[in-house]
């Protein structure tokens, strides 16, 4: 059995389709031919050469390695790890063989069926070396380093959490579609940096401290705040409004949850009720572990009333306000700016 990195498009644009249909697709648009007759990676490479005669040979070899992994190497029982646009990870088990659908809408010609085991697992639940492997820019590859498959499978018995081993940097995709020699230019350095920031924030501000961080961000953005004391708060963690005394609009009621698991809808319903009780114009619901689909389905109805911050959005807001945060907080969460070459694939 193997563990595969599978991306739902360069920008996760096919993520919803993958999840809703219980399938993973080979999303290379130029491949509209049945690949079941190809018996080796070399035969797939020959096809790629004919489909993309003007592409560099090295590029066609790299793509053919990924295609062959999907067609000839994946097997029922293997696991797939699919990064989400929400900066989480979906894990699933392959349940079917390679299938081709002639005449399908591009790029949905090739697929395998998948049973999704768990969706929206926070990236902070994974060991750093596995996150490095999942940060490779390639669309499909096998993750093998440091017994990654056994460790990820073991997460199922520990509420999708892991125990960190020694850190080893992953590298290039080998000809067989696995990660080999170390090479930083094949890794998403921005995502790695974000993962490290997430770990630092959670280590310092898990629990009640997450409310302090959210309050500091709002203050840095010009809001005057009221922070309820520890204990039962009736759904009120923070009240915020612009103006020196907090008499301006919009008046915001904030609820903060630092839990690592996705939040259920009852908390959203409680926030909406509390907004009415305190006369708030809008509400902000923050959850480090993200939100269940039952919460997300309410977003269109509550678009003008409520905003959701998951881990990704919280970090983005934190970084945008970082220079205006107080010195003590920045001392606890020290960051520095750096320049890096933009990935050509981005």
Foldseek 3Di string as FASTA:
>chain_A
DFEKEAECDLLNPCVVVCVVVQKGADQDQLDQDDCLPPDDLVSLLVVLCVSCVPDDSVVSLLVSLQVCCQQPNDDFQYKYWYQHNLQFIWIWTFHAHWAADHPDDHPRGIITGIDTPDPLQHPLQDALQVVQQSQFSDRMATECPPNVRVQQVVCVVVVNHGDYDDHDHWPDQDSNRYTDDHDCLRGDVVSSVLSVLLNLCCVVQADLNVLVLVVLLLVLVAWDKDADDPDDDQLAGMWIAHDPVRPHDQIEGEGEHADQAADECVSVVSNVVVCVVVVGQAYEYEYQNHHDVNNVVCCVVCVRHYDYHYNVNSVVSCVVSVVSGDPVVCVSSPDDDDDDDDRPSD
